[in-house]
Amino acid sequence: MDHLAVIEAEGLALLATTSAHLDSPVPTCPGWSSRRLLRHVGRLLHSVSVVVPRGTTDPPPPNPPAPTDDEGLVACYRRALDDLLRALRQTDPAAAAWNHTGVAPPVAGFWHRRLAQELTVHRWDADNAIGAAHLPTAEVAADGADELLTVLLPGSRAHATTGLADGGVHVHLTDVEGEWLVALAGKDVTVTREHARGDAALRGPAATVLLALWGRLPFEHPDLAAFGDEALLAALNPGV
């Protein structure tokens, strides 16, 4: 998958939607407007554009404040997206680069997939806010589900201190290859790509499964089949 192409396409689509509807509430990001969503994503893009070229695993420096005027905010986001794409294209994916997970290799290539998926979900948030949501492609969504279950969930679970439901969850995509058994035990997460029975299960098209895992759609969505302990399904959301 060309993650950089996804970053560019989704990043521009998010900008087009949010900049035209800055005051629109974003229901899937409670308390946020499209303006705040644009600010949040722009600051993330800027931060990673600084992290990637440094060749070190040191944490990033604090972000500068975002512009307070709308024109400046839009310009700042576009500049951050351009800077990010330039940094990712010019940096060896194997070069050292910090990331927040604590489990993924600290290399620049981590951010190709992470930001492709971050922008895919937040672009859906932006479009959904104005009643024009389009589902991610099955290929992108399956990649996102794999990242969530094998990278982000183990990272967030390792740092959690409360609310750790234990058990096995089977996740199965129906429109593209993708099947995982996720074993949750305290702070540990073990993921195997297999068909096996768990204490809970989630089955459906890749895009709908991905959005449900991120809390954007309910597990009772008509395109999904959810079984067993719903607390275990909710526990798959890494909350990052």
C-alpha atoms as a PDB file:
ATOM      1  CA  MET A   1       0.000   0.000   0.000  1.00  0.00           C
ATOM      2  CA  ASP A   2       1.193   3.498  -0.829  1.00  0.00           C
ATOM      3  CA  HIS A   3       0.750   5.115   2.578  1.00  0.00           C
ATOM      4  CA  LEU A   4       2.156   8.440   1.396  1.00  0.00           C
ATOM      5  CA  ALA A   5      -0.488   8.648  -1.327  1.00  0.00           C
ATOM      6  CA  VAL A   6      -3.142   7.966   1.330  1.00  0.00           C
ATOM      7  CA  ILE A   7      -1.701  10.691   3.574  1.00  0.00           C
ATOM      8  CA  GLU A   8      -1.766  13.221   0.755  1.00  0.00           C
ATOM      9  CA  ALA A   9      -5.267  12.347  -0.482  1.00  0.00           C
ATOM     10  CA  GLU A  10      -6.884  12.106   2.943  1.00  0.00           C
ATOM     11  CA  GLY A  11      -5.017  15.122   4.265  1.00  0.00           C
ATOM     12  CA  LEU A  12      -6.250  17.312   1.419  1.00  0.00           C
ATOM     13  CA  ALA A  13      -9.794  15.923   1.684  1.00  0.00           C
ATOM     14  CA  LEU A  14      -9.895  16.672   5.410  1.00  0.00           C
ATOM     15  CA  LEU A  15      -8.701  20.225   4.753  1.00  0.00           C
ATOM     16  CA  ALA A  16     -11.323  20.801   2.058  1.00  0.00           C
ATOM     17  CA  THR A  17     -14.177  19.665   4.295  1.00  0.00           C
ATOM     18  CA  THR A  18     -13.154  21.298   7.558  1.00  0.00           C
ATOM     19  CA  SER A  19     -12.106  24.632   6.047  1.00  0.00           C
ATOM     20  CA  ALA A  20     -15.513  24.983   4.386  1.00  0.00           C
ATOM     21  CA  HIS A  21     -17.430  24.139   7.609  1.00  0.00           C
ATOM     22  CA  LEU A  22     -15.238  25.343  10.457  1.00  0.00           C
ATOM     23  CA  ASP A  23     -18.110  25.856  12.895  1.00  0.00           C
ATOM     24  CA  SER A  24     -19.736  22.447  12.310  1.00  0.00           C
ATOM     25  CA  PRO A  25     -19.823  20.206  15.390  1.00  0.00           C
ATOM     26  CA  VAL A  26     -18.025  16.872  14.970  1.00  0.00           C
ATOM     27  CA  PRO A  27     -20.256  14.300  16.706  1.00  0.00           C
ATOM     28  CA  THR A  28     -17.628  11.556  16.674  1.00  0.00           C
ATOM     29  CA  CYS A  29     -15.147  13.829  18.482  1.00  0.00           C
ATOM     30  CA  PRO A  30     -17.395  15.049  21.325  1.00  0.00           C
ATOM     31  CA  GLY A  31     -17.070  18.751  22.074  1.00  0.00           C
ATOM     32  CA  TRP A  32     -15.078  19.441  18.940  1.00  0.00           C
ATOM     33  CA  SER A  33     -15.865  21.622  15.960  1.00  0.00           C
ATOM     34  CA  SER A  34     -14.339  21.153  12.510  1.00  0.00           C
ATOM     35  CA  ARG A  35     -12.054  24.042  13.420  1.00  0.00           C
ATOM     36  CA  ARG A  36     -10.707  22.171  16.421  1.00  0.00           C
ATOM     37  CA  LEU A  37     -10.334  18.989  14.368  1.00  0.00           C
ATOM     38  CA  LEU A  38      -8.302  20.884  11.783  1.00  0.00           C
ATOM     39  CA  ARG A  39      -6.156  22.388  14.547  1.00  0.00           C
ATOM     40  CA  HIS A  40      -5.594  18.989  16.193  1.00  0.00           C
ATOM     41  CA  VAL A  41      -4.557  17.230  12.998  1.00  0.00           C
ATOM     42  CA  GLY A  42      -2.427  20.132  11.802  1.00  0.00           C
ATOM     43  CA  ARG A  43      -0.453  20.170  15.037  1.00  0.00           C
ATOM     44  CA  LEU A  44       0.127  16.428  14.784  1.00  0.00           C
ATOM     45  CA  LEU A  45       1.354  16.734  11.206  1.00  0.00           C
ATOM     46  CA  HIS A  46       3.712  19.527  12.204  1.00  0.00           C
ATOM     47  CA  SER A  47       5.070  17.549  15.154  1.00  0.00           C
ATOM     48  CA  VAL A  48       5.823  14.496  13.032  1.00  0.00           C
ATOM     49  CA  SER A  49       7.384  16.629  10.295  1.00  0.00           C
ATOM     50  CA  VAL A  50       9.873  17.745  12.964  1.00  0.00           C
ATOM     51  CA  VAL A  51      10.396  14.268  14.455  1.00  0.00           C
ATOM     52  CA  VAL A  52      11.097  12.352  11.256  1.00  0.00           C
ATOM     53  CA  PRO A  53      14.195  14.120   9.840  1.00  0.00           C
ATOM     54  CA  ARG A  54      16.112  14.408  13.129  1.00  0.00           C
ATOM     55  CA  GLY A  55      17.569  10.875  13.112  1.00  0.00           C
ATOM     56  CA  THR A  56      17.010  10.437  16.856  1.00  0.00           C
ATOM     57  CA  THR A  57      14.505   8.675  19.086  1.00  0.00           C
ATOM     58  CA  ASP A  58      14.265  11.646  21.456  1.00  0.00           C
ATOM     59  CA  PRO A  59      10.694  12.883  22.063  1.00  0.00           C
ATOM     60  CA  PRO A  60       9.595  15.848  19.961  1.00  0.00           C
ATOM     61  CA  PRO A  61       9.863  19.420  21.221  1.00  0.00           C
ATOM     62  CA  PRO A  62       6.618  21.188  22.209  1.00  0.00           C
ATOM     63  CA  ASN A  63       4.445  22.323  19.331  1.00  0.00           C
ATOM     64  CA  PRO A  64       4.117  26.067  18.749  1.00  0.00           C
ATOM     65  CA  PRO A  65       0.623  27.458  19.349  1.00  0.00           C
ATOM     66  CA  ALA A  66      -1.762  27.142  16.404  1.00  0.00           C
ATOM     67  CA  PRO A  67      -2.895  30.374  14.730  1.00  0.00           C
ATOM     68  CA  THR A  68      -6.031  31.836  16.285  1.00  0.00           C
ATOM     69  CA  ASP A  69      -7.463  33.229  13.044  1.00  0.00           C
ATOM     70  CA  ASP A  70      -9.154  30.941  10.534  1.00  0.00           C
ATOM     71  CA  GLU A  71      -7.103  31.986   7.527  1.00  0.00           C
ATOM     72  CA  GLY A  72      -3.884  31.414   9.434  1.00  0.00           C
ATOM     73  CA  LEU A  73      -5.128  28.049  10.729  1.00  0.00           C
ATOM     74  CA  VAL A  74      -5.918  26.792   7.233  1.00  0.00           C
ATOM     75  CA  ALA A  75      -2.560  27.998   5.901  1.00  0.00           C
ATOM     76  CA  CYS A  76      -0.731  26.424   8.841  1.00  0.00           C
ATOM     77  CA  TYR A  77      -2.383  23.060   8.255  1.00  0.00           C
ATOM     78  CA  ARG A  78      -1.539  23.071   4.550  1.00  0.00           C
ATOM     79  CA  ARG A  79       2.067  23.989   5.298  1.00  0.00           C
ATOM     80  CA  ALA A  80       2.291  21.202   7.900  1.00  0.00           C
ATOM     81  CA  LEU A  81       0.929  18.654   5.423  1.00  0.00           C
ATOM     82  CA  ASP A  82       3.432  19.740   2.761  1.00  0.00           C
ATOM     83  CA  ASP A  83       6.308  19.682   5.272  1.00  0.00           C
ATOM     84  CA  LEU A  84       5.294  16.248   6.496  1.00  0.00           C
ATOM     85  CA  LEU A  85       5.120  14.711   3.039  1.00  0.00           C
ATOM     86  CA  ARG A  86       8.499  16.210   2.155  1.00  0.00           C
ATOM     87  CA  ALA A  87      10.054  14.832   5.345  1.00  0.00           C
ATOM     88  CA  LEU A  88       8.622  11.348   4.849  1.00  0.00           C
ATOM     89  CA  ARG A  89       9.692  11.211   1.212  1.00  0.00           C
ATOM     90  CA  GLN A  90      13.219  12.412   1.910  1.00  0.00           C
ATOM     91  CA  THR A  91      13.917  10.306   5.027  1.00  0.00           C
ATOM     92  CA  ASP A  92      14.986   6.667   4.960  1.00  0.00           C
ATOM     93  CA  PRO A  93      12.107   4.694   6.556  1.00  0.00           C
ATOM     94  CA  ALA A  94      14.713   2.780   8.566  1.00  0.00           C
ATOM     95  CA  ALA A  95      16.166   5.960  10.092  1.00  0.00           C
ATOM     96  CA  ALA A  96      15.712   6.452  13.826  1.00  0.00           C
ATOM     97  CA  ALA A  97      12.585   8.386  14.783  1.00  0.00           C
ATOM     98  CA  TRP A  98      10.578   8.623  17.999  1.00  0.00           C
ATOM     99  CA  ASN A  99       7.076   7.229  18.303  1.00  0.00           C
ATOM    100  CA  HIS A 100       4.631   7.116  21.183  1.00  0.00           C
ATOM    101  CA  THR A 101       3.773   3.405  21.284  1.00  0.00           C
ATOM    102  CA  GLY A 102       6.655   1.941  23.232  1.00  0.00           C
ATOM    103  CA  VAL A 103       6.250  -1.286  21.217  1.00  0.00           C
ATOM    104  CA  ALA A 104       6.694  -0.332  17.546  1.00  0.00           C
ATOM    105  CA  PRO A 105      10.255   0.035  16.220  1.00  0.00           C
ATOM    106  CA  PRO A 106      11.326   3.691  16.643  1.00  0.00           C
ATOM    107  CA  VAL A 107      11.922   4.358  12.944  1.00  0.00           C
ATOM    108  CA  ALA A 108      10.641   6.927  10.463  1.00  0.00           C
ATOM    109  CA  GLY A 109       8.671   4.303   8.544  1.00  0.00           C
ATOM    110  CA  PHE A 110       6.297   3.910  11.506  1.00  0.00           C
ATOM    111  CA  TRP A 111       4.766   7.276  10.668  1.00  0.00           C
ATOM    112  CA  HIS A 112       3.865   6.341   7.084  1.00  0.00           C
ATOM    113  CA  ARG A 113       1.208   3.893   8.216  1.00  0.00           C
ATOM    114  CA  ARG A 114       0.220   5.731  11.405  1.00  0.00           C
ATOM    115  CA  LEU A 115      -0.583   9.028   9.693  1.00  0.00           C
ATOM    116  CA  ALA A 116      -2.282   7.358   6.740  1.00  0.00           C
ATOM    117  CA  GLN A 117      -4.639   5.752   9.236  1.00  0.00           C
ATOM    118  CA  GLU A 118      -4.968   8.831  11.463  1.00  0.00           C
ATOM    119  CA  LEU A 119      -5.981  10.952   8.486  1.00  0.00           C
ATOM    120  CA  THR A 120      -8.329   8.297   7.117  1.00  0.00           C
ATOM    121  CA  VAL A 121     -10.350   8.170  10.335  1.00  0.00           C
ATOM    122  CA  HIS A 122     -10.320  11.918  10.931  1.00  0.00           C
ATOM    123  CA  ARG A 123     -11.304  12.592   7.324  1.00  0.00           C
ATOM    124  CA  TRP A 124     -14.309  10.351   7.984  1.00  0.00           C
ATOM    125  CA  ASP A 125     -15.014  12.374  11.147  1.00  0.00           C
ATOM    126  CA  ALA A 126     -14.955  15.602   9.137  1.00  0.00           C
ATOM    127  CA  ASP A 127     -17.180  14.315   6.338  1.00  0.00           C
ATOM    128  CA  ASN A 128     -19.582  12.663   8.767  1.00  0.00           C
ATOM    129  CA  ALA A 129     -19.963  15.995  10.559  1.00  0.00           C
ATOM    130  CA  ILE A 130     -21.620  17.456   7.464  1.00  0.00           C
ATOM    131  CA  GLY A 131     -23.563  14.319   6.519  1.00  0.00           C
ATOM    132  CA  ALA A 132     -21.259  13.343   3.663  1.00  0.00           C
ATOM    133  CA  ALA A 133     -19.214  10.478   5.099  1.00  0.00           C
ATOM    134  CA  HIS A 134     -17.592   8.045   2.683  1.00  0.00           C
ATOM    135  CA  LEU A 135     -16.193   4.779   3.995  1.00  0.00           C
ATOM    136  CA  PRO A 136     -12.486   4.044   3.591  1.00  0.00           C
ATOM    137  CA  THR A 137     -11.556   1.451   0.993  1.00  0.00           C
ATOM    138  CA  ALA A 138     -11.438  -2.130   2.220  1.00  0.00           C
ATOM    139  CA  GLU A 139      -7.664  -2.291   1.660  1.00  0.00           C
ATOM    140  CA  VAL A 140      -6.972   0.827   3.731  1.00  0.00           C
ATOM    141  CA  ALA A 141      -9.419  -0.213   6.450  1.00  0.00           C
ATOM    142  CA  ALA A 142      -7.949  -3.717   6.753  1.00  0.00           C
ATOM    143  CA  ASP A 143      -4.499  -2.182   7.138  1.00  0.00           C
ATOM    144  CA  GLY A 144      -5.925   0.115   9.806  1.00  0.00           C
ATOM    145  CA  ALA A 145      -7.520  -2.752  11.718  1.00  0.00           C
ATOM    146  CA  ASP A 146      -4.228  -4.642  11.684  1.00  0.00           C
ATOM    147  CA  GLU A 147      -2.320  -1.589  12.936  1.00  0.00           C
ATOM    148  CA  LEU A 148      -4.876  -0.981  15.683  1.00  0.00           C
ATOM    149  CA  LEU A 149      -4.828  -4.567  16.955  1.00  0.00           C
ATOM    150  CA  THR A 150      -1.129  -5.395  16.595  1.00  0.00           C
ATOM    151  CA  VAL A 151       0.560  -2.051  17.336  1.00  0.00           C
ATOM    152  CA  LEU A 152      -1.662   0.581  18.951  1.00  0.00           C
ATOM    153  CA  LEU A 153      -3.627  -1.689  21.288  1.00  0.00           C
ATOM    154  CA  PRO A 154      -0.541  -3.384  22.793  1.00  0.00           C
ATOM    155  CA  GLY A 155       1.070   0.026  23.217  1.00  0.00           C
ATOM    156  CA  SER A 156      -1.887   1.602  24.991  1.00  0.00           C
ATOM    157  CA  ARG A 157      -2.630  -1.490  27.071  1.00  0.00           C
ATOM    158  CA  ALA A 158       0.953  -1.601  28.342  1.00  0.00           C
ATOM    159  CA  HIS A 159       0.526   1.876  29.843  1.00  0.00           C
ATOM    160  CA  ALA A 160      -3.022   1.462  31.185  1.00  0.00           C
ATOM    161  CA  THR A 161      -3.679   1.170  34.912  1.00  0.00           C
ATOM    162  CA  THR A 162      -7.447   0.649  35.154  1.00  0.00           C
ATOM    163  CA  GLY A 163     -10.354  -0.835  33.231  1.00  0.00           C
ATOM    164  CA  LEU A 164      -8.439  -3.750  31.733  1.00  0.00           C
ATOM    165  CA  ALA A 165     -11.006  -6.328  30.613  1.00  0.00           C
ATOM    166  CA  ASP A 166      -9.480  -9.768  30.065  1.00  0.00           C
ATOM    167  CA  GLY A 167     -10.460 -12.383  27.505  1.00  0.00           C
ATOM    168  CA  GLY A 168     -10.213 -13.392  23.884  1.00  0.00           C
ATOM    169  CA  VAL A 169     -11.747 -11.523  20.936  1.00  0.00           C
ATOM    170  CA  HIS A 170     -12.072 -12.803  17.383  1.00  0.00           C
ATOM    171  CA  VAL A 171     -12.184 -10.132  14.663  1.00  0.00           C
ATOM    172  CA  HIS A 172     -13.049 -11.243  11.125  1.00  0.00           C
ATOM    173  CA  LEU A 173     -13.334  -9.114   7.980  1.00  0.00           C
ATOM    174  CA  THR A 174     -15.825 -10.307   5.388  1.00  0.00           C
ATOM    175  CA  ASP A 175     -14.916  -8.323   2.264  1.00  0.00           C
ATOM    176  CA  VAL A 176     -11.118  -8.605   2.291  1.00  0.00           C
ATOM    177  CA  GLU A 177      -8.541 -10.827   3.945  1.00  0.00           C
ATOM    178  CA  GLY A 178      -8.210 -10.107   7.641  1.00  0.00           C
ATOM    179  CA  GLU A 179      -8.735 -12.251  10.733  1.00  0.00           C
ATOM    180  CA  TRP A 180      -7.284 -11.929  14.215  1.00  0.00           C
ATOM    181  CA  LEU A 181      -7.598 -13.573  17.611  1.00  0.00           C
ATOM    182  CA  VAL A 182      -6.745 -11.000  20.288  1.00  0.00           C
ATOM    183  CA  ALA A 183      -5.949 -12.325  23.767  1.00  0.00           C
ATOM    184  CA  LEU A 184      -6.155  -9.672  26.502  1.00  0.00           C
ATOM    185  CA  ALA A 185      -4.524 -10.528  29.842  1.00  0.00           C
ATOM    186  CA  GLY A 186      -3.717  -7.675  32.174  1.00  0.00           C
ATOM    187  CA  LYS A 187      -1.341  -5.346  30.357  1.00  0.00           C
ATOM    188  CA  ASP A 188      -0.432  -8.015  27.821  1.00  0.00           C
ATOM    189  CA  VAL A 189      -1.900  -8.377  24.333  1.00  0.00           C
ATOM    190  CA  THR A 190      -1.218 -11.402  22.153  1.00  0.00           C
ATOM    191  CA  VAL A 191      -2.478 -11.317  18.577  1.00  0.00           C
ATOM    192  CA  THR A 192      -2.540 -14.249  16.189  1.00  0.00           C
ATOM    193  CA  ARG A 193      -3.918 -14.217  12.645  1.00  0.00           C
ATOM    194  CA  GLU A 194      -6.216 -17.204  12.789  1.00  0.00           C
ATOM    195  CA  HIS A 195      -9.800 -18.382  12.907  1.00  0.00           C
ATOM    196  CA  ALA A 196     -10.530 -19.290  16.516  1.00  0.00           C
ATOM    197  CA  ARG A 197     -13.298 -18.873  19.057  1.00  0.00           C
ATOM    198  CA  GLY A 198     -13.055 -16.052  21.586  1.00  0.00           C
ATOM    199  CA  ASP A 199     -15.167 -14.719  24.452  1.00  0.00           C
ATOM    200  CA  ALA A 200     -16.401 -12.081  22.013  1.00  0.00           C
ATOM    201  CA  ALA A 201     -16.365 -11.673  18.242  1.00  0.00           C
ATOM    202  CA  LEU A 202     -16.815  -8.946  15.666  1.00  0.00           C
ATOM    203  CA  ARG A 203     -17.470  -9.713  12.012  1.00  0.00           C
ATOM    204  CA  GLY A 204     -18.167  -7.416   9.068  1.00  0.00           C
ATOM    205  CA  PRO A 205     -16.759  -5.343   6.200  1.00  0.00           C
ATOM    206  CA  ALA A 206     -13.332  -3.876   6.852  1.00  0.00           C
ATOM    207  CA  ALA A 207     -14.340  -0.205   6.864  1.00  0.00           C
ATOM    208  CA  THR A 208     -17.258  -0.731   9.233  1.00  0.00           C
ATOM    209  CA  VAL A 209     -15.167  -2.899  11.547  1.00  0.00           C
ATOM    210  CA  LEU A 210     -12.395  -0.299  11.642  1.00  0.00           C
ATOM    211  CA  LEU A 211     -14.770   2.540  12.479  1.00  0.00           C
ATOM    212  CA  ALA A 212     -16.478   0.458  15.157  1.00  0.00           C
ATOM    213  CA  LEU A 213     -13.134  -0.440  16.742  1.00  0.00           C
ATOM    214  CA  TRP A 214     -12.339   3.281  16.892  1.00  0.00           C
ATOM    215  CA  GLY A 215     -15.717   4.001  18.503  1.00  0.00           C
ATOM    216  CA  ARG A 216     -17.088   5.823  15.444  1.00  0.00           C
ATOM    217  CA  LEU A 217     -19.874   3.326  14.755  1.00  0.00           C
ATOM    218  CA  PRO A 218     -21.807   1.137  17.215  1.00  0.00           C
ATOM    219  CA  PHE A 219     -21.185  -2.581  17.412  1.00  0.00           C
ATOM    220  CA  GLU A 220     -24.936  -2.911  16.760  1.00  0.00           C
ATOM    221  CA  HIS A 221     -24.468  -1.419  13.280  1.00  0.00           C
ATOM    222  CA  PRO A 222     -26.552  -3.407  10.747  1.00  0.00           C
ATOM    223  CA  ASP A 223     -23.472  -4.322   8.715  1.00  0.00           C
ATOM    224  CA  LEU A 224     -21.769  -5.884  11.736  1.00  0.00           C
ATOM    225  CA  ALA A 225     -22.253  -9.097  13.646  1.00  0.00           C
ATOM    226  CA  ALA A 226     -21.112  -8.783  17.250  1.00  0.00           C
ATOM    227  CA  PHE A 227     -21.212 -11.647  19.731  1.00  0.00           C
ATOM    228  CA  GLY A 228     -20.304 -12.242  23.355  1.00  0.00           C
ATOM    229  CA  ASP A 229     -18.986  -9.791  25.916  1.00  0.00           C
ATOM    230  CA  GLU A 230     -19.290  -6.270  24.469  1.00  0.00           C
ATOM    231  CA  ALA A 231     -16.933  -4.956  27.155  1.00  0.00           C
ATOM    232  CA  LEU A 232     -14.196  -6.961  25.459  1.00  0.00           C
ATOM    233  CA  LEU A 233     -15.042  -5.414  22.091  1.00  0.00           C
ATOM    234  CA  ALA A 234     -14.874  -1.950  23.656  1.00  0.00           C
ATOM    235  CA  ALA A 235     -11.513  -2.874  25.218  1.00  0.00           C
ATOM    236  CA  LEU A 236      -9.997  -3.142  21.726  1.00  0.00           C
ATOM    237  CA  ASN A 237     -10.197   0.639  21.275  1.00  0.00           C
ATOM    238  CA  PRO A 238      -6.662   1.902  22.024  1.00  0.00           C
ATOM    239  CA  GLY A 239      -7.978   5.406  22.726  1.00  0.00           C
ATOM    240  CA  VAL A 240      -5.022   7.183  21.084  1.00  0.00           C
END
